[in-house]
């Protein structure tokens, strides 16, 4: 009789453990699916903590439109800022910034002044400033993925979108209305 009571206590406990393990495995699979924004951004509506955020959802919509070549102006606030950074091992770092852009400018070529420091690996060159024609849609054409990596997402108003390996990425800054107020395009020479 005593063994039967022990059996009645242990069986529900074991079933509970199996159920909890199954739930954790399913949660793990959902996390894996949410990491695959690369070619399926519609799958990633959750942050790495499993809690959906309006900013994360807006960034996922932005990625879909960027991939398909659709207009992006509805994602931007009027009076937004573009920051450009390129690290090139031969030529050095190039940096530029332009402020007070209207939301429709994201769908056009944006001309900005870029400063190159000339500190390449081979030889130092004189620093110089030149004009750059920035087209986000053109720059992402060679991307092999579009992903919001979990290790970069920490909630809040800032989202990283990586593509073309880890070397080229975008950082999106959102305001309280979930509109982009700052876009940083960064290209880091992996060498």
Foldseek 3Di string as FASTA:
>chain_A
DVVVVVVVVVVVVVVVVVVVVVVVVVVVVLLVQLFALWVPLVSNQAANVRHGDPLSNLVSVQVVCLVVVHQNLVQAAQWAKEWEWEADQAQGIKIWMDTRHGSRCLQDWDKTKIWGQQPHNPDRDHIDIDIDTDHSSVVCPPWPTWGFHNVPDDDDFWTKTATPPRFWIKIFGADPVSHTRYIYTGGYDPD
